mmCIF file of all heavy atoms, coordinates in Angstrom:
data_MODEL
# 
_entry.id   MODEL 
# 
loop_
_atom_site.group_PDB 
_atom_site.id 
_atom_site.type_symbol 
_atom_site.label_atom_id 
_atom_site.label_alt_id 
_atom_site.label_comp_id 
_atom_site.label_asym_id 
_atom_site.label_entity_id 
_atom_site.label_seq_id 
_atom_site.pdbx_PDB_ins_code 
_atom_site.Cartn_x 
_atom_site.Cartn_y 
_atom_site.Cartn_z 
_atom_site.occupancy 
_atom_site.B_iso_or_equiv 
_atom_site.pdbx_formal_charge 
_atom_site.auth_seq_id 
_atom_site.auth_comp_id 
_atom_site.auth_asym_id 
_atom_site.auth_atom_id 
_atom_site.pdbx_PDB_model_num 
ATOM 1   N N   . PRO A 1 1  ? 3.116   -12.986 -5.013  1.00 0.00 ? 1  PRO A N   1 
ATOM 2   C CA  . PRO A 1 1  ? 3.338   -14.278 -5.464  1.00 0.00 ? 1  PRO A CA  1 
ATOM 3   C C   . PRO A 1 1  ? 3.102   -14.456 -7.056  1.00 0.00 ? 1  PRO A C   1 
ATOM 4   O O   . PRO A 1 1  ? 2.359   -13.674 -7.590  1.00 0.00 ? 1  PRO A O   1 
ATOM 5   C CB  . PRO A 1 1  ? 2.374   -15.342 -4.700  1.00 0.00 ? 1  PRO A CB  1 
ATOM 6   C CG  . PRO A 1 1  ? 2.033   -14.475 -3.503  1.00 0.00 ? 1  PRO A CG  1 
ATOM 7   C CD  . PRO A 1 1  ? 2.006   -13.041 -3.940  1.00 0.00 ? 1  PRO A CD  1 
ATOM 8   N N   . SER A 1 2  ? 3.671   -15.483 -7.659  1.00 0.00 ? 2  SER A N   1 
ATOM 9   C CA  . SER A 1 2  ? 3.599   -15.562 -9.137  1.00 0.00 ? 2  SER A CA  1 
ATOM 10  C C   . SER A 1 2  ? 2.123   -15.913 -9.535  1.00 0.00 ? 2  SER A C   1 
ATOM 11  O O   . SER A 1 2  ? 1.383   -16.439 -8.658  1.00 0.00 ? 2  SER A O   1 
ATOM 12  C CB  . SER A 1 2  ? 4.537   -16.620 -9.644  1.00 0.00 ? 2  SER A CB  1 
ATOM 13  O OG  . SER A 1 2  ? 4.100   -17.910 -9.200  1.00 0.00 ? 2  SER A OG  1 
ATOM 14  N N   . GLY A 1 3  ? 1.760   -15.704 -10.792 1.00 0.00 ? 3  GLY A N   1 
ATOM 15  C CA  . GLY A 1 3  ? 0.561   -16.064 -11.294 1.00 0.00 ? 3  GLY A CA  1 
ATOM 16  C C   . GLY A 1 3  ? 0.261   -17.578 -11.063 1.00 0.00 ? 3  GLY A C   1 
ATOM 17  O O   . GLY A 1 3  ? -0.911  -17.911 -10.786 1.00 0.00 ? 3  GLY A O   1 
ATOM 18  N N   . ALA A 1 4  ? 1.130   -18.396 -11.215 1.00 0.00 ? 4  ALA A N   1 
ATOM 19  C CA  . ALA A 1 4  ? 0.790   -19.745 -11.183 1.00 0.00 ? 4  ALA A CA  1 
ATOM 20  C C   . ALA A 1 4  ? 0.565   -20.120 -9.626  1.00 0.00 ? 4  ALA A C   1 
ATOM 21  O O   . ALA A 1 4  ? -0.290  -21.010 -9.419  1.00 0.00 ? 4  ALA A O   1 
ATOM 22  C CB  . ALA A 1 4  ? 2.184   -20.663 -11.621 1.00 0.00 ? 4  ALA A CB  1 
ATOM 23  N N   . GLN A 1 5  ? 1.278   -19.621 -8.667  1.00 0.00 ? 5  GLN A N   1 
ATOM 24  C CA  . GLN A 1 5  ? 0.962   -19.819 -7.329  1.00 0.00 ? 5  GLN A CA  1 
ATOM 25  C C   . GLN A 1 5  ? -0.357  -19.397 -6.842  1.00 0.00 ? 5  GLN A C   1 
ATOM 26  O O   . GLN A 1 5  ? -1.125  -20.166 -6.222  1.00 0.00 ? 5  GLN A O   1 
ATOM 27  C CB  . GLN A 1 5  ? 2.009   -18.984 -6.387  1.00 0.00 ? 5  GLN A CB  1 
ATOM 28  C CG  . GLN A 1 5  ? 3.443   -19.529 -6.510  1.00 0.00 ? 5  GLN A CG  1 
ATOM 29  C CD  . GLN A 1 5  ? 4.389   -18.778 -5.724  1.00 0.00 ? 5  GLN A CD  1 
ATOM 30  O OE1 . GLN A 1 5  ? 4.457   -17.467 -5.972  1.00 0.00 ? 5  GLN A OE1 1 
ATOM 31  N NE2 . GLN A 1 5  ? 5.023   -19.370 -4.710  1.00 0.00 ? 5  GLN A NE2 1 
ATOM 32  N N   . VAL A 1 6  ? -0.828  -18.325 -7.423  1.00 0.00 ? 6  VAL A N   1 
ATOM 33  C CA  . VAL A 1 6  ? -2.131  -17.765 -6.976  1.00 0.00 ? 6  VAL A CA  1 
ATOM 34  C C   . VAL A 1 6  ? -3.157  -18.608 -7.696  1.00 0.00 ? 6  VAL A C   1 
ATOM 35  O O   . VAL A 1 6  ? -4.253  -18.894 -7.025  1.00 0.00 ? 6  VAL A O   1 
ATOM 36  C CB  . VAL A 1 6  ? -2.258  -16.197 -7.526  1.00 0.00 ? 6  VAL A CB  1 
ATOM 37  C CG1 . VAL A 1 6  ? -3.680  -15.786 -7.185  1.00 0.00 ? 6  VAL A CG1 1 
ATOM 38  C CG2 . VAL A 1 6  ? -1.299  -15.396 -6.637  1.00 0.00 ? 6  VAL A CG2 1 
ATOM 39  N N   . ALA A 1 7  ? -2.995  -18.941 -8.979  1.00 0.00 ? 7  ALA A N   1 
ATOM 40  C CA  . ALA A 1 7  ? -3.977  -19.692 -9.799  1.00 0.00 ? 7  ALA A CA  1 
ATOM 41  C C   . ALA A 1 7  ? -4.417  -20.993 -9.017  1.00 0.00 ? 7  ALA A C   1 
ATOM 42  O O   . ALA A 1 7  ? -5.485  -21.368 -9.113  1.00 0.00 ? 7  ALA A O   1 
ATOM 43  C CB  . ALA A 1 7  ? -3.522  -19.905 -11.079 1.00 0.00 ? 7  ALA A CB  1 
ATOM 44  N N   . HIS A 1 8  ? -3.396  -21.752 -8.407  1.00 0.00 ? 8  HIS A N   1 
ATOM 45  C CA  . HIS A 1 8  ? -3.783  -22.951 -7.787  1.00 0.00 ? 8  HIS A CA  1 
ATOM 46  C C   . HIS A 1 8  ? -4.641  -22.821 -6.611  1.00 0.00 ? 8  HIS A C   1 
ATOM 47  O O   . HIS A 1 8  ? -5.405  -23.795 -6.254  1.00 0.00 ? 8  HIS A O   1 
ATOM 48  C CB  . HIS A 1 8  ? -2.376  -23.717 -7.405  1.00 0.00 ? 8  HIS A CB  1 
ATOM 49  C CG  . HIS A 1 8  ? -1.694  -24.256 -8.547  1.00 0.00 ? 8  HIS A CG  1 
ATOM 50  N ND1 . HIS A 1 8  ? -2.165  -25.294 -9.369  1.00 0.00 ? 8  HIS A ND1 1 
ATOM 51  C CD2 . HIS A 1 8  ? -0.412  -24.056 -8.911  1.00 0.00 ? 8  HIS A CD2 1 
ATOM 52  C CE1 . HIS A 1 8  ? -1.205  -25.544 -10.154 1.00 0.00 ? 8  HIS A CE1 1 
ATOM 53  N NE2 . HIS A 1 8  ? -0.124  -24.848 -9.978  1.00 0.00 ? 8  HIS A NE2 1 
ATOM 54  N N   . ALA A 1 9  ? -4.642  -21.711 -5.999  1.00 0.00 ? 9  ALA A N   1 
ATOM 55  C CA  . ALA A 1 9  ? -5.405  -21.419 -4.813  1.00 0.00 ? 9  ALA A CA  1 
ATOM 56  C C   . ALA A 1 9  ? -6.677  -20.610 -5.098  1.00 0.00 ? 9  ALA A C   1 
ATOM 57  O O   . ALA A 1 9  ? -7.339  -20.370 -4.200  1.00 0.00 ? 9  ALA A O   1 
ATOM 58  C CB  . ALA A 1 9  ? -4.541  -20.770 -3.708  1.00 0.00 ? 9  ALA A CB  1 
ATOM 59  N N   . ALA A 1 10 ? -6.741  -20.162 -6.330  1.00 0.00 ? 10 ALA A N   1 
ATOM 60  C CA  . ALA A 1 10 ? -7.921  -19.326 -6.789  1.00 0.00 ? 10 ALA A CA  1 
ATOM 61  C C   . ALA A 1 10 ? -9.233  -19.936 -6.847  1.00 0.00 ? 10 ALA A C   1 
ATOM 62  O O   . ALA A 1 10 ? -9.329  -21.058 -7.085  1.00 0.00 ? 10 ALA A O   1 
ATOM 63  C CB  . ALA A 1 10 ? -7.503  -18.651 -8.134  1.00 0.00 ? 10 ALA A CB  1 
ATOM 64  N N   . SER A 1 11 ? -10.209 -19.148 -6.578  1.00 0.00 ? 11 SER A N   1 
ATOM 65  C CA  . SER A 1 11 ? -11.622 -19.489 -6.688  1.00 0.00 ? 11 SER A CA  1 
ATOM 66  C C   . SER A 1 11 ? -12.447 -18.296 -7.209  1.00 0.00 ? 11 SER A C   1 
ATOM 67  O O   . SER A 1 11 ? -12.019 -17.349 -7.096  1.00 0.00 ? 11 SER A O   1 
ATOM 68  C CB  . SER A 1 11 ? -12.133 -20.145 -5.345  1.00 0.00 ? 11 SER A CB  1 
ATOM 69  O OG  . SER A 1 11 ? -12.336 -19.099 -4.446  1.00 0.00 ? 11 SER A OG  1 
ATOM 70  N N   . SER A 1 12 ? -13.566 -18.558 -7.513  1.00 0.00 ? 12 SER A N   1 
ATOM 71  C CA  . SER A 1 12 ? -14.461 -17.517 -8.079  1.00 0.00 ? 12 SER A CA  1 
ATOM 72  C C   . SER A 1 12 ? -15.473 -17.086 -6.863  1.00 0.00 ? 12 SER A C   1 
ATOM 73  O O   . SER A 1 12 ? -16.488 -16.433 -7.176  1.00 0.00 ? 12 SER A O   1 
ATOM 74  C CB  . SER A 1 12 ? -15.288 -18.014 -9.183  1.00 0.00 ? 12 SER A CB  1 
ATOM 75  O OG  . SER A 1 12 ? -16.036 -19.061 -8.873  1.00 0.00 ? 12 SER A OG  1 
ATOM 76  N N   . ARG A 1 13 ? -15.108 -17.420 -5.697  1.00 0.00 ? 13 ARG A N   1 
ATOM 77  C CA  . ARG A 1 13 ? -15.952 -17.030 -4.515  1.00 0.00 ? 13 ARG A CA  1 
ATOM 78  C C   . ARG A 1 13 ? -16.007 -15.508 -4.465  1.00 0.00 ? 13 ARG A C   1 
ATOM 79  O O   . ARG A 1 13 ? -15.097 -14.668 -4.872  1.00 0.00 ? 13 ARG A O   1 
ATOM 80  C CB  . ARG A 1 13 ? -15.376 -17.536 -3.260  1.00 0.00 ? 13 ARG A CB  1 
ATOM 81  C CG  . ARG A 1 13 ? -14.004 -17.056 -2.895  1.00 0.00 ? 13 ARG A CG  1 
ATOM 82  C CD  . ARG A 1 13 ? -13.402 -17.825 -1.719  1.00 0.00 ? 13 ARG A CD  1 
ATOM 83  N NE  . ARG A 1 13 ? -12.154 -17.335 -1.371  1.00 0.00 ? 13 ARG A NE  1 
ATOM 84  C CZ  . ARG A 1 13 ? -10.969 -17.574 -1.879  1.00 0.00 ? 13 ARG A CZ  1 
ATOM 85  N NH1 . ARG A 1 13 ? -11.001 -18.448 -2.879  1.00 0.00 ? 13 ARG A NH1 1 
ATOM 86  N NH2 . ARG A 1 13 ? -9.809  -17.194 -1.446  1.00 0.00 ? 13 ARG A NH2 1 
ATOM 87  N N   . GLN A 1 14 ? -17.080 -14.925 -3.947  1.00 0.00 ? 14 GLN A N   1 
ATOM 88  C CA  . GLN A 1 14 ? -17.315 -13.568 -3.775  1.00 0.00 ? 14 GLN A CA  1 
ATOM 89  C C   . GLN A 1 14 ? -16.755 -13.229 -2.359  1.00 0.00 ? 14 GLN A C   1 
ATOM 90  O O   . GLN A 1 14 ? -17.147 -13.636 -1.406  1.00 0.00 ? 14 GLN A O   1 
ATOM 91  C CB  . GLN A 1 14 ? -18.765 -13.161 -3.828  1.00 0.00 ? 14 GLN A CB  1 
ATOM 92  C CG  . GLN A 1 14 ? -19.459 -13.643 -5.173  1.00 0.00 ? 14 GLN A CG  1 
ATOM 93  C CD  . GLN A 1 14 ? -18.827 -12.859 -6.385  1.00 0.00 ? 14 GLN A CD  1 
ATOM 94  O OE1 . GLN A 1 14 ? -18.839 -11.664 -6.461  1.00 0.00 ? 14 GLN A OE1 1 
ATOM 95  N NE2 . GLN A 1 14 ? -18.218 -13.666 -7.368  1.00 0.00 ? 14 GLN A NE2 1 
ATOM 96  N N   . CYS A 1 15 ? -15.830 -12.295 -2.387  1.00 0.00 ? 15 CYS A N   1 
ATOM 97  C CA  . CYS A 1 15 ? -14.992 -11.911 -1.193  1.00 0.00 ? 15 CYS A CA  1 
ATOM 98  C C   . CYS A 1 15 ? -15.299 -10.552 -0.623  1.00 0.00 ? 15 CYS A C   1 
ATOM 99  O O   . CYS A 1 15 ? -14.962 -10.201 0.526   1.00 0.00 ? 15 CYS A O   1 
ATOM 100 C CB  . CYS A 1 15 ? -13.542 -12.093 -1.460  1.00 0.00 ? 15 CYS A CB  1 
ATOM 101 S SG  . CYS A 1 15 ? -13.005 -13.617 -2.187  1.00 0.00 ? 15 CYS A SG  1 
ATOM 102 N N   . VAL A 1 16 ? -16.195 -9.813  -1.285  1.00 0.00 ? 16 VAL A N   1 
ATOM 103 C CA  . VAL A 1 16 ? -16.233 -8.359  -0.884  1.00 0.00 ? 16 VAL A CA  1 
ATOM 104 C C   . VAL A 1 16 ? -17.753 -8.292  -0.251  1.00 0.00 ? 16 VAL A C   1 
ATOM 105 O O   . VAL A 1 16 ? -18.739 -8.547  -0.826  1.00 0.00 ? 16 VAL A O   1 
ATOM 106 C CB  . VAL A 1 16 ? -16.216 -7.399  -1.950  1.00 0.00 ? 16 VAL A CB  1 
ATOM 107 C CG1 . VAL A 1 16 ? -16.394 -6.011  -1.468  1.00 0.00 ? 16 VAL A CG1 1 
ATOM 108 C CG2 . VAL A 1 16 ? -14.655 -7.536  -2.633  1.00 0.00 ? 16 VAL A CG2 1 
ATOM 109 N N   . GLY A 1 17 ? -17.843 -7.887  1.033   1.00 0.00 ? 17 GLY A N   1 
ATOM 110 C CA  . GLY A 1 17 ? -19.057 -7.757  1.798   1.00 0.00 ? 17 GLY A CA  1 
ATOM 111 C C   . GLY A 1 17 ? -19.581 -6.371  1.614   1.00 0.00 ? 17 GLY A C   1 
ATOM 112 O O   . GLY A 1 17 ? -19.063 -5.596  0.927   1.00 0.00 ? 17 GLY A O   1 
ATOM 113 N N   . ASP A 1 18 ? -20.782 -6.203  2.216   1.00 0.00 ? 18 ASP A N   1 
ATOM 114 C CA  . ASP A 1 18 ? -21.499 -4.848  2.148   1.00 0.00 ? 18 ASP A CA  1 
ATOM 115 C C   . ASP A 1 18 ? -20.548 -3.705  2.529   1.00 0.00 ? 18 ASP A C   1 
ATOM 116 O O   . ASP A 1 18 ? -20.510 -2.583  1.846   1.00 0.00 ? 18 ASP A O   1 
ATOM 117 C CB  . ASP A 1 18 ? -22.822 -4.804  2.934   1.00 0.00 ? 18 ASP A CB  1 
ATOM 118 C CG  . ASP A 1 18 ? -23.748 -5.756  2.317   1.00 0.00 ? 18 ASP A CG  1 
ATOM 119 O OD1 . ASP A 1 18 ? -23.523 -6.327  1.139   1.00 0.00 ? 18 ASP A OD1 1 
ATOM 120 O OD2 . ASP A 1 18 ? -24.692 -5.931  2.965   1.00 0.00 ? 18 ASP A OD2 1 
ATOM 121 N N   . ALA A 1 19 ? -19.878 -3.766  3.615   1.00 0.00 ? 19 ALA A N   1 
ATOM 122 C CA  . ALA A 1 19 ? -19.078 -2.623  4.175   1.00 0.00 ? 19 ALA A CA  1 
ATOM 123 C C   . ALA A 1 19 ? -17.878 -2.312  3.203   1.00 0.00 ? 19 ALA A C   1 
ATOM 124 O O   . ALA A 1 19 ? -17.679 -1.181  3.004   1.00 0.00 ? 19 ALA A O   1 
ATOM 125 C CB  . ALA A 1 19 ? -18.499 -3.047  5.544   1.00 0.00 ? 19 ALA A CB  1 
ATOM 126 N N   . GLU A 1 20 ? -17.277 -3.421  2.783   1.00 0.00 ? 20 GLU A N   1 
ATOM 127 C CA  . GLU A 1 20 ? -16.152 -3.231  1.854   1.00 0.00 ? 20 GLU A CA  1 
ATOM 128 C C   . GLU A 1 20 ? -16.688 -2.465  0.591   1.00 0.00 ? 20 GLU A C   1 
ATOM 129 O O   . GLU A 1 20 ? -15.993 -1.636  -0.017  1.00 0.00 ? 20 GLU A O   1 
ATOM 130 C CB  . GLU A 1 20 ? -15.458 -4.487  1.543   1.00 0.00 ? 20 GLU A CB  1 
ATOM 131 C CG  . GLU A 1 20 ? -14.626 -5.099  2.623   1.00 0.00 ? 20 GLU A CG  1 
ATOM 132 C CD  . GLU A 1 20 ? -15.533 -5.922  3.509   1.00 0.00 ? 20 GLU A CD  1 
ATOM 133 O OE1 . GLU A 1 20 ? -16.811 -6.009  3.409   1.00 0.00 ? 20 GLU A OE1 1 
ATOM 134 O OE2 . GLU A 1 20 ? -14.890 -6.506  4.556   1.00 0.00 ? 20 GLU A OE2 1 
ATOM 135 N N   . ARG A 1 21 ? -17.834 -3.055  -0.032  1.00 0.00 ? 21 ARG A N   1 
ATOM 136 C CA  . ARG A 1 21 ? -18.298 -2.446  -1.186  1.00 0.00 ? 21 ARG A CA  1 
ATOM 137 C C   . ARG A 1 21 ? -18.838 -0.996  -1.138  1.00 0.00 ? 21 ARG A C   1 
ATOM 138 O O   . ARG A 1 21 ? -18.602 -0.118  -1.924  1.00 0.00 ? 21 ARG A O   1 
ATOM 139 C CB  . ARG A 1 21 ? -19.650 -3.300  -1.550  1.00 0.00 ? 21 ARG A CB  1 
ATOM 140 C CG  . ARG A 1 21 ? -19.802 -3.398  -3.044  1.00 0.00 ? 21 ARG A CG  1 
ATOM 141 C CD  . ARG A 1 21 ? -20.794 -4.359  -3.374  1.00 0.00 ? 21 ARG A CD  1 
ATOM 142 N NE  . ARG A 1 21 ? -20.410 -5.678  -3.434  1.00 0.00 ? 21 ARG A NE  1 
ATOM 143 C CZ  . ARG A 1 21 ? -19.707 -6.300  -4.439  1.00 0.00 ? 21 ARG A CZ  1 
ATOM 144 N NH1 . ARG A 1 21 ? -19.390 -5.648  -5.404  1.00 0.00 ? 21 ARG A NH1 1 
ATOM 145 N NH2 . ARG A 1 21 ? -19.386 -7.528  -4.464  1.00 0.00 ? 21 ARG A NH2 1 
ATOM 146 N N   . GLU A 1 22 ? -19.299 -0.641  0.160   1.00 0.00 ? 22 GLU A N   1 
ATOM 147 C CA  . GLU A 1 22 ? -19.614 0.655   0.373   1.00 0.00 ? 22 GLU A CA  1 
ATOM 148 C C   . GLU A 1 22 ? -18.343 1.570   0.399   1.00 0.00 ? 22 GLU A C   1 
ATOM 149 O O   . GLU A 1 22 ? -18.459 2.624   -0.234  1.00 0.00 ? 22 GLU A O   1 
ATOM 150 C CB  . GLU A 1 22 ? -20.362 0.925   1.740   1.00 0.00 ? 22 GLU A CB  1 
ATOM 151 C CG  . GLU A 1 22 ? -20.843 2.325   2.044   1.00 0.00 ? 22 GLU A CG  1 
ATOM 152 C CD  . GLU A 1 22 ? -21.739 2.389   3.224   1.00 0.00 ? 22 GLU A CD  1 
ATOM 153 O OE1 . GLU A 1 22 ? -21.580 1.440   4.022   1.00 0.00 ? 22 GLU A OE1 1 
ATOM 154 O OE2 . GLU A 1 22 ? -22.380 3.319   3.360   1.00 0.00 ? 22 GLU A OE2 1 
ATOM 155 N N   . ALA A 1 23 ? -17.348 1.111   0.950   1.00 0.00 ? 23 ALA A N   1 
ATOM 156 C CA  . ALA A 1 23 ? -16.073 1.746   0.983   1.00 0.00 ? 23 ALA A CA  1 
ATOM 157 C C   . ALA A 1 23 ? -15.464 2.048   -0.434  1.00 0.00 ? 23 ALA A C   1 
ATOM 158 O O   . ALA A 1 23 ? -14.832 3.050   -0.599  1.00 0.00 ? 23 ALA A O   1 
ATOM 159 C CB  . ALA A 1 23 ? -15.129 1.042   1.945   1.00 0.00 ? 23 ALA A CB  1 
ATOM 160 N N   . LEU A 1 24 ? -15.632 0.969   -1.227  1.00 0.00 ? 24 LEU A N   1 
ATOM 161 C CA  . LEU A 1 24 ? -15.143 1.073   -2.425  1.00 0.00 ? 24 LEU A CA  1 
ATOM 162 C C   . LEU A 1 24 ? -16.032 1.928   -3.370  1.00 0.00 ? 24 LEU A C   1 
ATOM 163 O O   . LEU A 1 24 ? -15.524 2.428   -4.576  1.00 0.00 ? 24 LEU A O   1 
ATOM 164 C CB  . LEU A 1 24 ? -14.976 -0.150  -3.237  1.00 0.00 ? 24 LEU A CB  1 
ATOM 165 C CG  . LEU A 1 24 ? -14.004 -1.164  -2.557  1.00 0.00 ? 24 LEU A CG  1 
ATOM 166 C CD1 . LEU A 1 24 ? -14.187 -2.651  -3.206  1.00 0.00 ? 24 LEU A CD1 1 
ATOM 167 C CD2 . LEU A 1 24 ? -12.576 -0.776  -2.798  1.00 0.00 ? 24 LEU A CD2 1 
ATOM 168 N N   . GLY A 1 25 ? -17.180 2.384   -2.868  1.00 0.00 ? 25 GLY A N   1 
ATOM 169 C CA  . GLY A 1 25 ? -18.038 3.258   -3.764  1.00 0.00 ? 25 GLY A CA  1 
ATOM 170 C C   . GLY A 1 25 ? -18.700 2.616   -4.863  1.00 0.00 ? 25 GLY A C   1 
ATOM 171 O O   . GLY A 1 25 ? -18.410 2.880   -6.025  1.00 0.00 ? 25 GLY A O   1 
ATOM 172 N N   . THR A 1 26 ? -19.739 1.858   -4.455  1.00 0.00 ? 26 THR A N   1 
ATOM 173 C CA  . THR A 1 26 ? -20.621 1.104   -5.479  1.00 0.00 ? 26 THR A CA  1 
ATOM 174 C C   . THR A 1 26 ? -21.635 2.085   -6.109  1.00 0.00 ? 26 THR A C   1 
ATOM 175 O O   . THR A 1 26 ? -22.431 2.583   -5.293  1.00 0.00 ? 26 THR A O   1 
ATOM 176 C CB  . THR A 1 26 ? -21.189 -0.082  -4.915  1.00 0.00 ? 26 THR A CB  1 
ATOM 177 O OG1 . THR A 1 26 ? -20.335 -0.947  -4.373  1.00 0.00 ? 26 THR A OG1 1 
ATOM 178 C CG2 . THR A 1 26 ? -22.055 -0.794  -5.847  1.00 0.00 ? 26 THR A CG2 1 
ATOM 179 N N   . PRO A 1 27 ? -21.594 2.425   -7.359  1.00 0.00 ? 27 PRO A N   1 
ATOM 180 C CA  . PRO A 1 27 ? -22.578 3.449   -7.801  1.00 0.00 ? 27 PRO A CA  1 
ATOM 181 C C   . PRO A 1 27 ? -23.824 2.864   -8.157  1.00 0.00 ? 27 PRO A C   1 
ATOM 182 O O   . PRO A 1 27 ? -24.041 1.791   -8.902  1.00 0.00 ? 27 PRO A O   1 
ATOM 183 C CB  . PRO A 1 27 ? -21.708 3.948   -9.073  1.00 0.00 ? 27 PRO A CB  1 
ATOM 184 C CG  . PRO A 1 27 ? -20.990 2.757   -9.568  1.00 0.00 ? 27 PRO A CG  1 
ATOM 185 C CD  . PRO A 1 27 ? -20.620 1.900   -8.374  1.00 0.00 ? 27 PRO A CD  1 
ATOM 186 N N   . VAL A 1 28 ? -24.942 3.506   -7.824  1.00 0.00 ? 28 VAL A N   1 
ATOM 187 C CA  . VAL A 1 28 ? -26.150 3.304   -8.471  1.00 0.00 ? 28 VAL A CA  1 
ATOM 188 C C   . VAL A 1 28 ? -26.876 4.617   -8.666  1.00 0.00 ? 28 VAL A C   1 
ATOM 189 O O   . VAL A 1 28 ? -26.357 5.716   -8.194  1.00 0.00 ? 28 VAL A O   1 
ATOM 190 C CB  . VAL A 1 28 ? -27.011 2.491   -7.467  1.00 0.00 ? 28 VAL A CB  1 
ATOM 191 C CG1 . VAL A 1 28 ? -26.520 1.153   -7.148  1.00 0.00 ? 28 VAL A CG1 1 
ATOM 192 C CG2 . VAL A 1 28 ? -27.280 3.101   -6.111  1.00 0.00 ? 28 VAL A CG2 1 
# 
């Protein structure tokens, strides 16, 4: 979808949980 479409529905919420973050490889 276009940027304008997404922007109207966008929020700054945190959407990635622990499992997803582990899969993405969070480095420490």
